[in-house]
Amino acid sequence: EKVVRGWQTIRGVHNYEPRHLAQAIEFLAQGSVDFRPLLAEPVPLADLSSLFGPPSPGVLRRTVVP
């Protein structure tokens, strides 16, 4: 949270190699993890202000459609 809200930048990684990025992308491409239970229905950009209220119970992430 402090990184996001403070607009901080993280540079570099520790103990990772380019092959690890390829492995991560391959894992996600398999589609074996269903992220849908973590997401609420997308909100149109025109309704963006509705997201500034209390969070919905059980929803970890909201998405906005331009």
PDB file of N, CA and C in Angstrom:
ATOM      1  N   GLU A   1       0.829  -1.183   0.000  1.00  0.00           N
ATOM      2  CA  GLU A   1       0.000   0.000   0.000  1.00  0.00           C
ATOM      3  C   GLU A   1       0.878   1.254   0.000  1.00  0.00           C
ATOM      4  N   LYS A   2       1.926   1.255   0.800  1.00  0.00           N
ATOM      5  CA  LYS A   2       2.790   2.436   0.864  1.00  0.00           C
ATOM      6  C   LYS A   2       3.464   2.698  -0.477  1.00  0.00           C
ATOM      7  N   VAL A   3       3.793   1.630  -1.192  1.00  0.00           N
ATOM      8  CA  VAL A   3       4.427   1.792  -2.508  1.00  0.00           C
ATOM      9  C   VAL A   3       3.448   2.429  -3.482  1.00  0.00           C
ATOM     10  N   VAL A   4       2.199   1.948  -3.484  1.00  0.00           N
ATOM     11  CA  VAL A   4       1.204   2.460  -4.420  1.00  0.00           C
ATOM     12  C   VAL A   4       0.780   3.874  -4.064  1.00  0.00           C
ATOM     13  N   ARG A   5       0.395   4.063  -2.822  1.00  0.00           N
ATOM     14  CA  ARG A   5      -0.098   5.388  -2.422  1.00  0.00           C
ATOM     15  C   ARG A   5       1.009   6.444  -2.428  1.00  0.00           C
ATOM     16  N   GLY A   6       2.232   6.021  -2.179  1.00  0.00           N
ATOM     17  CA  GLY A   6       3.339   6.964  -2.176  1.00  0.00           C
ATOM     18  C   GLY A   6       3.990   7.146  -3.533  1.00  0.00           C
ATOM     19  N   TRP A   7       3.440   6.494  -4.559  1.00  0.00           N
ATOM     20  CA  TRP A   7       3.956   6.570  -5.922  1.00  0.00           C
ATOM     21  C   TRP A   7       5.434   6.228  -5.959  1.00  0.00           C
ATOM     22  N   GLN A   8       5.829   5.244  -5.167  1.00  0.00           N
ATOM     23  CA  GLN A   8       7.230   4.843  -5.124  1.00  0.00           C
ATOM     24  C   GLN A   8       7.539   3.896  -6.278  1.00  0.00           C
ATOM     25  N   THR A   9       8.798   3.824  -6.644  1.00  0.00           N
ATOM     26  CA  THR A   9       9.241   2.959  -7.736  1.00  0.00           C
ATOM     27  C   THR A   9      10.154   1.885  -7.187  1.00  0.00           C
ATOM     28  N   ILE A  10       9.901   0.668  -7.599  1.00  0.00           N
ATOM     29  CA  ILE A  10      10.780  -0.447  -7.229  1.00  0.00           C
ATOM     30  C   ILE A  10      11.600  -0.804  -8.458  1.00  0.00           C
ATOM     31  N   ARG A  11      12.886  -0.853  -8.294  1.00  0.00           N
ATOM     32  CA  ARG A  11      13.760  -1.168  -9.426  1.00  0.00           C
ATOM     33  C   ARG A  11      14.597  -2.387  -9.096  1.00  0.00           C
ATOM     34  N   GLY A  12      14.667  -3.283 -10.065  1.00  0.00           N
ATOM     35  CA  GLY A  12      15.493  -4.468  -9.887  1.00  0.00           C
ATOM     36  C   GLY A  12      14.763  -5.555  -9.117  1.00  0.00           C
ATOM     37  N   VAL A  13      15.346  -6.711  -9.139  1.00  0.00           N
ATOM     38  CA  VAL A  13      14.805  -7.855  -8.420  1.00  0.00           C
ATOM     39  C   VAL A  13      15.968  -8.592  -7.773  1.00  0.00           C
ATOM     40  N   HIS A  14      15.636  -9.478  -6.872  1.00  0.00           N
ATOM     41  CA  HIS A  14      16.675 -10.225  -6.164  1.00  0.00           C
ATOM     42  C   HIS A  14      16.466 -11.710  -6.405  1.00  0.00           C
ATOM     43  N   ASN A  15      17.493 -12.371  -6.854  1.00  0.00           N
ATOM     44  CA  ASN A  15      17.467 -13.822  -7.078  1.00  0.00           C
ATOM     45  C   ASN A  15      16.461 -14.262  -8.134  1.00  0.00           C
ATOM     46  N   TYR A  16      16.228 -13.447  -9.133  1.00  0.00           N
ATOM     47  CA  TYR A  16      15.376 -13.845 -10.246  1.00  0.00           C
ATOM     48  C   TYR A  16      16.182 -13.758 -11.523  1.00  0.00           C
ATOM     49  N   GLU A  17      15.836 -14.606 -12.456  1.00  0.00           N
ATOM     50  CA  GLU A  17      16.496 -14.622 -13.759  1.00  0.00           C
ATOM     51  C   GLU A  17      15.430 -14.504 -14.840  1.00  0.00           C
ATOM     52  N   PRO A  18      15.810 -14.121 -16.052  1.00  0.00           N
ATOM     53  CA  PRO A  18      14.822 -13.986 -17.133  1.00  0.00           C
ATOM     54  C   PRO A  18      13.958 -15.239 -17.319  1.00  0.00           C
ATOM     55  N   ARG A  19      14.498 -16.393 -17.077  1.00  0.00           N
ATOM     56  CA  ARG A  19      13.715 -17.626 -17.252  1.00  0.00           C
ATOM     57  C   ARG A  19      12.535 -17.679 -16.285  1.00  0.00           C
ATOM     58  N   HIS A  20      12.666 -17.027 -15.130  1.00  0.00           N
ATOM     59  CA  HIS A  20      11.567 -17.020 -14.173  1.00  0.00           C
ATOM     60  C   HIS A  20      10.363 -16.243 -14.714  1.00  0.00           C
ATOM     61  N   LEU A  21      10.609 -15.163 -15.444  1.00  0.00           N
ATOM     62  CA  LEU A  21       9.521 -14.410 -16.065  1.00  0.00           C
ATOM     63  C   LEU A  21       8.825 -15.286 -17.106  1.00  0.00           C
ATOM     64  N   ALA A  22       9.611 -15.983 -17.911  1.00  0.00           N
ATOM     65  CA  ALA A  22       9.028 -16.874 -18.917  1.00  0.00           C
ATOM     66  C   ALA A  22       8.188 -17.965 -18.252  1.00  0.00           C
ATOM     67  N   GLN A  23       8.661 -18.501 -17.142  1.00  0.00           N
ATOM     68  CA  GLN A  23       7.907 -19.539 -16.425  1.00  0.00           C
ATOM     69  C   GLN A  23       6.602 -18.971 -15.865  1.00  0.00           C
ATOM     70  N   ALA A  24       6.646 -17.757 -15.356  1.00  0.00           N
ATOM     71  CA  ALA A  24       5.441 -17.139 -14.800  1.00  0.00           C
ATOM     72  C   ALA A  24       4.402 -16.893 -15.891  1.00  0.00           C
ATOM     73  N   ILE A  25       4.843 -16.397 -17.043  1.00  0.00           N
ATOM     74  CA  ILE A  25       3.927 -16.152 -18.155  1.00  0.00           C
ATOM     75  C   ILE A  25       3.335 -17.466 -18.648  1.00  0.00           C
ATOM     76  N   GLU A  26       4.145 -18.491 -18.732  1.00  0.00           N
ATOM     77  CA  GLU A  26       3.675 -19.807 -19.146  1.00  0.00           C
ATOM     78  C   GLU A  26       2.614 -20.338 -18.172  1.00  0.00           C
ATOM     79  N   PHE A  27       2.864 -20.156 -16.884  1.00  0.00           N
ATOM     80  CA  PHE A  27       1.913 -20.596 -15.864  1.00  0.00           C
ATOM     81  C   PHE A  27       0.567 -19.885 -16.026  1.00  0.00           C
ATOM     82  N   LEU A  28       0.614 -18.560 -16.202  1.00  0.00           N
ATOM     83  CA  LEU A  28      -0.621 -17.802 -16.354  1.00  0.00           C
ATOM     84  C   LEU A  28      -1.334 -18.152 -17.651  1.00  0.00           C
ATOM     85  N   ALA A  29      -0.581 -18.423 -18.712  1.00  0.00           N
ATOM     86  CA  ALA A  29      -1.179 -18.762 -20.005  1.00  0.00           C
ATOM     87  C   ALA A  29      -1.929 -20.089 -19.958  1.00  0.00           C
ATOM     88  N   GLN A  30      -1.566 -20.970 -19.049  1.00  0.00           N
ATOM     89  CA  GLN A  30      -2.251 -22.255 -18.914  1.00  0.00           C
ATOM     90  C   GLN A  30      -3.686 -22.072 -18.453  1.00  0.00           C
ATOM     91  N   GLY A  31      -3.961 -20.966 -17.792  1.00  0.00           N
ATOM     92  CA  GLY A  31      -5.310 -20.695 -17.321  1.00  0.00           C
ATOM     93  C   GLY A  31      -5.744 -21.591 -16.178  1.00  0.00           C
ATOM     94  N   SER A  32      -4.798 -22.149 -15.462  1.00  0.00           N
ATOM     95  CA  SER A  32      -5.151 -23.076 -14.382  1.00  0.00           C
ATOM     96  C   SER A  32      -5.619 -22.364 -13.116  1.00  0.00           C
ATOM     97  N   VAL A  33      -5.445 -21.062 -13.054  1.00  0.00           N
ATOM     98  CA  VAL A  33      -5.909 -20.292 -11.902  1.00  0.00           C
ATOM     99  C   VAL A  33      -7.085 -19.440 -12.350  1.00  0.00           C
ATOM    100  N   ASP A  34      -8.208 -19.584 -11.674  1.00  0.00           N
ATOM    101  CA  ASP A  34      -9.402 -18.819 -11.998  1.00  0.00           C
ATOM    102  C   ASP A  34      -9.442 -17.579 -11.109  1.00  0.00           C
ATOM    103  N   PHE A  35      -9.169 -16.416 -11.697  1.00  0.00           N
ATOM    104  CA  PHE A  35      -9.144 -15.175 -10.944  1.00  0.00           C
ATOM    105  C   PHE A  35     -10.528 -14.542 -10.815  1.00  0.00           C
ATOM    106  N   ARG A  36     -11.527 -15.080 -11.518  1.00  0.00           N
ATOM    107  CA  ARG A  36     -12.860 -14.468 -11.518  1.00  0.00           C
ATOM    108  C   ARG A  36     -13.469 -14.322 -10.127  1.00  0.00           C
ATOM    109  N   PRO A  37     -13.293 -15.282  -9.211  1.00  0.00           N
ATOM    110  CA  PRO A  37     -13.883 -15.085  -7.877  1.00  0.00           C
ATOM    111  C   PRO A  37     -13.301 -13.896  -7.109  1.00  0.00           C
ATOM    112  N   LEU A  38     -12.169 -13.405  -7.561  1.00  0.00           N
ATOM    113  CA  LEU A  38     -11.518 -12.292  -6.875  1.00  0.00           C
ATOM    114  C   LEU A  38     -11.927 -10.932  -7.436  1.00  0.00           C
ATOM    115  N   LEU A  39     -12.630 -10.950  -8.576  1.00  0.00           N
ATOM    116  CA  LEU A  39     -12.955  -9.709  -9.269  1.00  0.00           C
ATOM    117  C   LEU A  39     -14.450  -9.437  -9.248  1.00  0.00           C
ATOM    118  N   ALA A  40     -14.791  -8.184  -9.095  1.00  0.00           N
ATOM    119  CA  ALA A  40     -16.192  -7.777  -9.225  1.00  0.00           C
ATOM    120  C   ALA A  40     -16.469  -7.507 -10.699  1.00  0.00           C
ATOM    121  N   GLU A  41     -17.733  -7.306 -11.031  1.00  0.00           N
ATOM    122  CA  GLU A  41     -18.080  -6.952 -12.401  1.00  0.00           C
ATOM    123  C   GLU A  41     -17.405  -5.623 -12.762  1.00  0.00           C
ATOM    124  N   PRO A  42     -16.926  -5.498 -13.992  1.00  0.00           N
ATOM    125  CA  PRO A  42     -16.294  -4.229 -14.396  1.00  0.00           C
ATOM    126  C   PRO A  42     -17.257  -3.050 -14.281  1.00  0.00           C
ATOM    127  N   VAL A  43     -16.709  -1.911 -13.956  1.00  0.00           N
ATOM    128  CA  VAL A  43     -17.477  -0.673 -13.809  1.00  0.00           C
ATOM    129  C   VAL A  43     -17.123   0.238 -14.978  1.00  0.00           C
ATOM    130  N   PRO A  44     -18.115   0.797 -15.672  1.00  0.00           N
ATOM    131  CA  PRO A  44     -17.812   1.735 -16.754  1.00  0.00           C
ATOM    132  C   PRO A  44     -17.100   2.975 -16.202  1.00  0.00           C
ATOM    133  N   LEU A  45     -16.239   3.544 -17.007  1.00  0.00           N
ATOM    134  CA  LEU A  45     -15.475   4.721 -16.586  1.00  0.00           C
ATOM    135  C   LEU A  45     -16.399   5.839 -16.115  1.00  0.00           C
ATOM    136  N   ALA A  46     -17.557   5.966 -16.721  1.00  0.00           N
ATOM    137  CA  ALA A  46     -18.506   7.016 -16.330  1.00  0.00           C
ATOM    138  C   ALA A  46     -19.003   6.830 -14.898  1.00  0.00           C
ATOM    139  N   ASP A  47     -18.937   5.594 -14.383  1.00  0.00           N
ATOM    140  CA  ASP A  47     -19.390   5.303 -13.014  1.00  0.00           C
ATOM    141  C   ASP A  47     -18.228   5.146 -12.030  1.00  0.00           C
ATOM    142  N   LEU A  48     -17.080   5.652 -12.391  1.00  0.00           N
ATOM    143  CA  LEU A  48     -15.883   5.512 -11.562  1.00  0.00           C
ATOM    144  C   LEU A  48     -16.104   5.995 -10.136  1.00  0.00           C
ATOM    145  N   SER A  49     -16.864   7.044  -9.956  1.00  0.00           N
ATOM    146  CA  SER A  49     -17.071   7.598  -8.611  1.00  0.00           C
ATOM    147  C   SER A  49     -17.740   6.586  -7.674  1.00  0.00           C
ATOM    148  N   SER A  50     -18.440   5.606  -8.226  1.00  0.00           N
ATOM    149  CA  SER A  50     -19.099   4.609  -7.373  1.00  0.00           C
ATOM    150  C   SER A  50     -18.090   3.718  -6.645  1.00  0.00           C
ATOM    151  N   LEU A  51     -16.860   3.697  -7.110  1.00  0.00           N
ATOM    152  CA  LEU A  51     -15.841   2.857  -6.486  1.00  0.00           C
ATOM    153  C   LEU A  51     -15.205   3.506  -5.266  1.00  0.00           C
ATOM    154  N   PHE A  52     -15.506   4.749  -5.008  1.00  0.00           N
ATOM    155  CA  PHE A  52     -14.867   5.451  -3.901  1.00  0.00           C
ATOM    156  C   PHE A  52     -15.615   5.309  -2.583  1.00  0.00           C
ATOM    157  N   GLY A  53     -16.596   4.434  -2.543  1.00  0.00           N
ATOM    158  CA  GLY A  53     -17.317   4.160  -1.311  1.00  0.00           C
ATOM    159  C   GLY A  53     -16.696   2.965  -0.610  1.00  0.00           C
ATOM    160  N   PRO A  54     -17.392   2.436   0.370  1.00  0.00           N
ATOM    161  CA  PRO A  54     -16.899   1.245   1.076  1.00  0.00           C
ATOM    162  C   PRO A  54     -16.746   0.063   0.111  1.00  0.00           C
ATOM    163  N   PRO A  55     -15.758  -0.787   0.312  1.00  0.00           N
ATOM    164  CA  PRO A  55     -15.566  -1.928  -0.585  1.00  0.00           C
ATOM    165  C   PRO A  55     -16.684  -2.956  -0.439  1.00  0.00           C
ATOM    166  N   SER A  56     -16.919  -3.686  -1.509  1.00  0.00           N
ATOM    167  CA  SER A  56     -17.916  -4.768  -1.475  1.00  0.00           C
ATOM    168  C   SER A  56     -17.334  -5.946  -0.703  1.00  0.00           C
ATOM    169  N   PRO A  57     -18.119  -6.580   0.147  1.00  0.00           N
ATOM    170  CA  PRO A  57     -17.607  -7.730   0.911  1.00  0.00           C
ATOM    171  C   PRO A  57     -17.159  -8.864  -0.015  1.00  0.00           C
ATOM    172  N   GLY A  58     -15.997  -9.399   0.249  1.00  0.00           N
ATOM    173  CA  GLY A  58     -15.498 -10.549  -0.503  1.00  0.00           C
ATOM    174  C   GLY A  58     -14.863 -10.228  -1.841  1.00  0.00           C
ATOM    175  N   VAL A  59     -14.882  -8.971  -2.254  1.00  0.00           N
ATOM    176  CA  VAL A  59     -14.295  -8.593  -3.537  1.00  0.00           C
ATOM    177  C   VAL A  59     -12.936  -7.956  -3.283  1.00  0.00           C
ATOM    178  N   LEU A  60     -11.903  -8.537  -3.858  1.00  0.00           N
ATOM    179  CA  LEU A  60     -10.561  -8.024  -3.630  1.00  0.00           C
ATOM    180  C   LEU A  60     -10.160  -6.962  -4.637  1.00  0.00           C
ATOM    181  N   ARG A  61     -10.674  -7.057  -5.864  1.00  0.00           N
ATOM    182  CA  ARG A  61     -10.275  -6.114  -6.914  1.00  0.00           C
ATOM    183  C   ARG A  61     -11.472  -5.681  -7.741  1.00  0.00           C
ATOM    184  N   ARG A  62     -11.461  -4.415  -8.132  1.00  0.00           N
ATOM    185  CA  ARG A  62     -12.460  -3.886  -9.032  1.00  0.00           C
ATOM    186  C   ARG A  62     -11.766  -3.531 -10.335  1.00  0.00           C
ATOM    187  N   THR A  63     -12.466  -3.614 -11.441  1.00  0.00           N
ATOM    188  CA  THR A  63     -11.906  -3.244 -12.735  1.00  0.00           C
ATOM    189  C   THR A  63     -12.770  -2.160 -13.346  1.00  0.00           C
ATOM    190  N   VAL A  64     -12.129  -1.303 -14.159  1.00  0.00           N
ATOM    191  CA  VAL A  64     -12.816  -0.209 -14.818  1.00  0.00           C
ATOM    192  C   VAL A  64     -12.671  -0.406 -16.321  1.00  0.00           C
ATOM    193  N   VAL A  65     -13.787  -0.253 -17.023  1.00  0.00           N
ATOM    194  CA  VAL A  65     -13.793  -0.380 -18.484  1.00  0.00           C
ATOM    195  C   VAL A  65     -13.825   1.020 -19.076  1.00  0.00           C
ATOM    196  N   PRO A  66     -12.829   1.361 -19.910  1.00  0.00           N
ATOM    197  CA  PRO A  66     -12.819   2.702 -20.507  1.00  0.00           C
ATOM    198  C   PRO A  66     -13.965   2.917 -21.472  1.00  0.00           C
TER     199      PRO A  66
END
